Amino acid sequence: MTKLSLPLAQWPPKDRRAWDTAIAGGDILDGRGPAAHWAPATMATNVYHYGQWLAFLETAGGLDRDTDPASRCSRQTLGSYLTWLNTTSAPVTVASNLIGLAVMLKAMAPDIDWTWLSKICNRLKRGAKPKRDKRSRILTSGEIFKAALTQLENLSVSNQISPQQNVAFRNALMLGVLVGCPIRLKNFTALRPGHTLLKIDGNWRIKIPAAEVKNKVPIDLDVPTELGPYLDLYIERVRPALLGTNTTDALWIRS
């Protein structure tokens, strides 16, 4: 069974030295490595991809620990690696893994012409399509708002609401308010009745002073009137039930 990825500490000496050179600090005159500017997350991802390549070679019996990284990557060996990847991963993942390998090889062996490998990566990237079409499952804001209203209506018809129903009611209301009044999550979760959530002339309104907004522009939004009765019910009955013996002026109560 092929290991997922060979840890950096287990890489062959030449690969370790090539990587250390690739991430060496300093300026251009000092020999700054081509990967020295990579963000930590980028480094971790690419190291994992390269370790996956080494793990495949080790399992297949093709990991010569005395060979330098560039000489080890031939078209034939790469073809076998792609065949293996295609049996374990989706096309998008295969393309991502190979691109990560190519980026690492270019950084660890910058004097080699990797044009042929780049062309293969480009072909894979163009042909990679997700197995599942996630876009077809994306709902519009109107559809989400309608679904939230339906959930709220279904949960509000009963006078006997269980703790689970209270949580579901709160979640549906949060979704409806956030869709109807799109504000930053930090401001949304910090809403407080009587302070930043006000009832004016029978309608709920969100008013947040500039000092509490990231761009220092005050927020003044009307909560959709369809949510008014449910917001009333939440504050009068659901919120106290969720609050229990705790004390807070926050609108949204954690369960």
Protein backbone atom coordinates (compact mmCIF):
# COMPACT_ATOMS: atom_id res chain seq x y z
CA MET A 1 0.00 0.00 0.00
CA THR A 2 1.41 3.40 -1.02
CA LYS A 3 2.05 5.86 1.79
CA LEU A 4 0.11 9.09 1.46
CA SER A 5 3.23 11.24 1.55
CA LEU A 6 6.82 10.70 2.63
CA PRO A 7 7.57 13.11 5.51
CA LEU A 8 10.30 15.68 4.93
CA ALA A 9 12.51 14.05 7.58
CA GLN A 10 12.49 10.83 5.53
CA TRP A 11 13.42 12.38 2.19
CA PRO A 12 16.67 11.22 0.58
CA PRO A 13 19.69 13.42 1.45
CA LYS A 14 19.93 14.99 -2.01
CA ASP A 15 16.27 15.93 -1.96
CA ARG A 16 16.65 17.46 1.51
CA ARG A 17 19.67 19.50 0.41
CA ALA A 18 17.89 20.65 -2.75
CA TRP A 19 14.90 21.77 -0.68
CA ASP A 20 17.06 23.56 1.88
CA THR A 21 18.73 25.45 -0.98
CA ALA A 22 15.35 26.28 -2.50
CA ILE A 23 14.11 27.93 0.70
CA ALA A 24 17.41 29.59 1.67
CA GLY A 25 16.94 33.15 2.86
CA GLY A 26 18.92 36.30 2.05
CA ASP A 27 18.79 38.49 -1.03
CA ILE A 28 19.59 37.68 -4.66
CA LEU A 29 23.31 38.33 -4.15
CA ASP A 30 23.36 35.98 -1.15
CA GLY A 31 21.78 33.15 -3.14
CA ARG A 32 18.18 33.52 -2.01
CA GLY A 33 16.28 30.36 -2.90
CA PRO A 34 13.43 30.44 -5.44
CA ALA A 35 10.98 29.17 -2.81
CA ALA A 36 12.13 31.45 0.01
CA HIS A 37 9.19 33.81 -0.55
CA TRP A 38 6.53 31.09 -0.34
CA ALA A 39 3.99 31.42 2.44
CA PRO A 40 4.15 28.68 5.12
CA ALA A 41 0.87 27.16 3.90
CA THR A 42 2.16 27.05 0.32
CA MET A 43 5.37 25.38 1.47
CA ALA A 44 3.46 22.79 3.48
CA THR A 45 1.16 21.96 0.57
CA ASN A 46 3.96 21.61 -1.96
CA VAL A 47 6.14 19.61 0.43
CA TYR A 48 3.22 17.24 0.85
CA HIS A 49 2.83 16.88 -2.92
CA TYR A 50 6.52 16.18 -3.36
CA GLY A 51 6.42 13.70 -0.47
CA GLN A 52 3.55 11.94 -2.22
CA TRP A 53 5.72 11.58 -5.31
CA LEU A 54 8.55 10.11 -3.22
CA ALA A 55 6.15 7.77 -1.43
CA PHE A 56 4.92 6.45 -4.78
CA LEU A 57 8.48 5.88 -5.97
CA GLU A 58 9.41 4.11 -2.74
CA THR A 59 6.42 1.79 -2.96
CA ALA A 60 7.00 1.10 -6.65
CA GLY A 61 10.67 0.33 -6.02
CA GLY A 62 11.88 3.33 -7.98
CA LEU A 63 13.22 5.56 -5.23
CA ASP A 64 16.98 5.66 -5.72
CA ARG A 65 18.21 7.62 -2.72
CA ASP A 66 21.50 8.43 -4.43
CA THR A 67 19.85 10.09 -7.44
CA ASP A 68 19.24 13.82 -7.58
CA PRO A 69 15.59 15.00 -7.82
CA ALA A 70 15.77 16.11 -11.46
CA SER A 71 17.25 12.87 -12.79
CA ARG A 72 14.62 10.84 -10.97
CA CYS A 73 11.72 12.45 -12.84
CA SER A 74 11.57 10.91 -16.31
CA ARG A 75 8.60 10.89 -18.65
CA GLN A 76 8.18 7.16 -18.14
CA THR A 77 8.24 7.36 -14.36
CA LEU A 78 5.91 10.35 -14.40
CA GLY A 79 3.51 8.39 -16.61
CA SER A 80 3.39 5.60 -14.04
CA TYR A 81 2.78 8.15 -11.30
CA LEU A 82 -0.12 9.67 -13.22
CA THR A 83 -1.63 6.23 -13.78
CA TRP A 84 -1.50 5.60 -10.05
CA LEU A 85 -2.94 9.02 -9.21
CA ASN A 86 -5.84 8.47 -11.58
CA THR A 87 -6.78 5.28 -9.73
CA THR A 88 -6.91 7.03 -6.36
CA SER A 89 -7.97 10.63 -7.01
CA ALA A 90 -10.40 12.77 -8.96
CA PRO A 91 -9.11 14.61 -12.08
CA VAL A 92 -8.94 17.98 -10.30
CA THR A 93 -6.90 16.45 -7.49
CA VAL A 94 -4.58 14.69 -9.94
CA ALA A 95 -3.89 17.99 -11.71
CA SER A 96 -3.29 19.74 -8.38
CA ASN A 97 -0.87 17.04 -7.21
CA LEU A 98 1.14 17.14 -10.43
CA ILE A 99 1.27 20.93 -10.44
CA GLY A 100 2.58 20.80 -6.87
CA LEU A 101 5.27 18.33 -7.93
CA ALA A 102 6.24 20.52 -10.89
CA VAL A 103 6.49 23.63 -8.72
CA MET A 104 8.76 21.77 -6.30
CA LEU A 105 11.02 20.41 -9.02
CA LYS A 106 11.37 23.86 -10.57
CA ALA A 107 12.38 25.25 -7.18
CA MET A 108 14.72 22.39 -6.27
CA ALA A 109 16.30 22.10 -9.73
CA PRO A 110 15.97 25.60 -11.23
CA ASP A 111 18.68 25.04 -13.86
CA ILE A 112 16.69 22.27 -15.57
CA ASP A 113 14.31 23.00 -18.44
CA TRP A 114 10.95 21.82 -17.14
CA THR A 115 8.94 23.01 -20.15
CA TRP A 116 7.78 19.47 -20.95
CA LEU A 117 6.46 19.03 -17.43
CA SER A 118 4.69 22.40 -17.50
CA LYS A 119 2.94 21.41 -20.73
CA ILE A 120 1.66 18.20 -19.14
CA CYS A 121 0.41 20.16 -16.14
CA ASN A 122 -1.37 22.64 -18.39
CA ARG A 123 -3.10 19.85 -20.32
CA LEU A 124 -4.22 18.19 -17.11
CA LYS A 125 -5.48 21.46 -15.69
CA ARG A 126 -7.51 22.26 -18.82
CA GLY A 127 -9.05 18.79 -18.92
CA ALA A 128 -9.73 18.42 -15.20
CA LYS A 129 -13.42 18.58 -14.38
CA PRO A 130 -15.00 17.93 -10.98
CA LYS A 131 -16.83 14.61 -10.74
CA ARG A 132 -19.70 16.40 -9.08
CA ASP A 133 -21.15 19.65 -10.38
CA LYS A 134 -21.28 21.70 -7.18
CA ARG A 135 -22.52 24.79 -8.98
CA SER A 136 -25.82 23.13 -9.75
CA ARG A 137 -26.45 22.81 -6.01
CA ILE A 138 -25.79 26.47 -5.19
CA LEU A 139 -28.94 28.30 -4.12
CA THR A 140 -29.65 31.95 -4.84
CA SER A 141 -30.07 34.37 -1.94
CA GLY A 142 -33.79 34.48 -2.72
CA GLU A 143 -34.08 30.71 -2.49
CA ILE A 144 -32.16 30.66 0.79
CA PHE A 145 -34.37 33.40 2.23
CA LYS A 146 -37.52 31.55 1.17
CA ALA A 147 -36.25 28.31 2.73
CA ALA A 148 -35.48 30.14 5.99
CA LEU A 149 -39.01 31.60 6.07
CA THR A 150 -40.54 28.18 5.46
CA GLN A 151 -38.51 26.68 8.30
CA LEU A 152 -39.48 29.52 10.64
CA GLU A 153 -43.16 29.14 9.78
CA ASN A 154 -43.07 25.40 10.38
CA LEU A 155 -41.38 25.82 13.75
CA SER A 156 -43.53 28.69 14.99
CA VAL A 157 -46.93 26.99 14.68
CA SER A 158 -46.42 24.91 17.82
CA ASN A 159 -46.74 26.23 21.37
CA GLN A 160 -44.63 23.32 22.61
CA ILE A 161 -41.16 23.84 21.17
CA SER A 162 -38.38 21.45 22.18
CA PRO A 163 -34.79 22.56 22.83
CA GLN A 164 -33.83 21.13 19.44
CA GLN A 165 -36.59 23.14 17.77
CA ASN A 166 -35.43 26.30 19.54
CA VAL A 167 -31.96 25.81 18.10
CA ALA A 168 -33.40 25.13 14.64
CA PHE A 169 -35.56 28.27 14.92
CA ARG A 170 -32.55 30.38 15.92
CA ASN A 171 -30.48 28.98 13.03
CA ALA A 172 -33.21 29.64 10.46
CA LEU A 173 -33.70 33.16 11.78
CA MET A 174 -29.97 33.86 11.70
CA LEU A 175 -29.86 32.69 8.09
CA GLY A 176 -32.83 34.83 7.13
CA VAL A 177 -31.47 37.96 8.80
CA LEU A 178 -28.00 37.49 7.36
CA VAL A 179 -29.39 37.04 3.83
CA GLY A 180 -31.74 39.99 4.23
CA CYS A 181 -29.12 42.21 5.86
CA PRO A 182 -25.69 41.16 4.52
CA ILE A 183 -23.17 42.51 7.01
CA ARG A 184 -19.82 41.29 8.27
CA LEU A 185 -20.07 38.23 10.53
CA LYS A 186 -18.32 40.07 13.35
CA ASN A 187 -21.04 42.73 13.37
CA PHE A 188 -23.77 40.15 12.83
CA THR A 189 -22.78 38.01 15.80
CA ALA A 190 -22.41 41.12 17.98
CA LEU A 191 -25.96 42.35 17.43
CA ARG A 192 -27.70 43.43 20.65
CA PRO A 193 -31.42 44.14 21.07
CA GLY A 194 -31.97 47.72 22.16
CA HIS A 195 -28.49 48.77 21.04
CA THR A 196 -27.67 47.71 17.47
CA LEU A 197 -30.99 45.99 16.81
CA LEU A 198 -33.88 48.41 17.31
CA LYS A 199 -37.62 48.30 16.79
CA ILE A 200 -38.66 51.60 15.21
CA ASP A 201 -42.29 52.28 14.29
CA GLY A 202 -43.07 48.58 14.51
CA ASN A 203 -40.22 47.49 12.23
CA TRP A 204 -36.86 45.98 13.17
CA ARG A 205 -33.76 47.86 12.15
CA ILE A 206 -30.02 47.24 12.39
CA LYS A 207 -28.05 50.36 13.32
CA ILE A 208 -24.33 49.93 13.97
CA PRO A 209 -22.14 52.98 14.69
CA ALA A 210 -19.08 53.67 12.55
CA ALA A 211 -16.71 52.89 15.43
CA GLU A 212 -17.87 49.25 15.38
CA VAL A 213 -17.57 48.80 11.60
CA LYS A 214 -14.34 47.80 9.87
CA ASN A 215 -14.49 50.48 7.17
CA LYS A 216 -15.76 53.07 9.69
CA VAL A 217 -18.99 53.58 7.74
CA PRO A 218 -22.11 53.26 9.91
CA ILE A 219 -24.63 50.54 9.06
CA ASP A 220 -28.33 51.34 8.89
CA LEU A 221 -30.47 48.54 7.46
CA ASP A 222 -34.13 47.57 7.68
CA VAL A 223 -34.71 43.94 8.60
CA PRO A 224 -37.08 42.44 5.98
CA THR A 225 -40.66 42.84 7.20
CA GLU A 226 -41.31 39.12 6.59
CA LEU A 227 -38.90 38.35 9.43
CA GLY A 228 -40.52 40.76 11.90
CA PRO A 229 -42.98 38.30 13.52
CA TYR A 230 -40.31 35.63 13.81
CA LEU A 231 -37.81 38.05 15.33
CA ASP A 232 -40.50 39.03 17.85
CA LEU A 233 -41.10 35.37 18.69
CA TYR A 234 -37.37 34.71 19.00
CA ILE A 235 -36.81 37.58 21.43
CA GLU A 236 -39.96 36.88 23.46
CA ARG A 237 -39.82 33.09 23.70
CA VAL A 238 -36.95 31.31 21.95
CA ARG A 239 -34.06 33.48 23.13
CA PRO A 240 -35.02 33.25 26.85
CA ALA A 241 -35.33 29.47 26.51
CA LEU A 242 -31.85 29.24 24.98
CA LEU A 243 -30.43 31.68 27.52
CA GLY A 244 -31.63 29.73 30.55
CA THR A 245 -29.93 30.98 33.70
CA ASN A 246 -27.12 32.69 31.80
CA THR A 247 -26.88 36.46 31.40
CA THR A 248 -25.93 38.32 28.23
CA ASP A 249 -27.30 41.11 26.08
CA ALA A 250 -26.26 39.36 22.84
CA LEU A 251 -29.03 38.67 20.34
CA TRP A 252 -27.78 35.25 19.28
CA ILE A 253 -27.54 32.73 22.10
CA ARG A 254 -25.29 29.70 21.79
CA SER A 255 -26.97 26.41 22.52
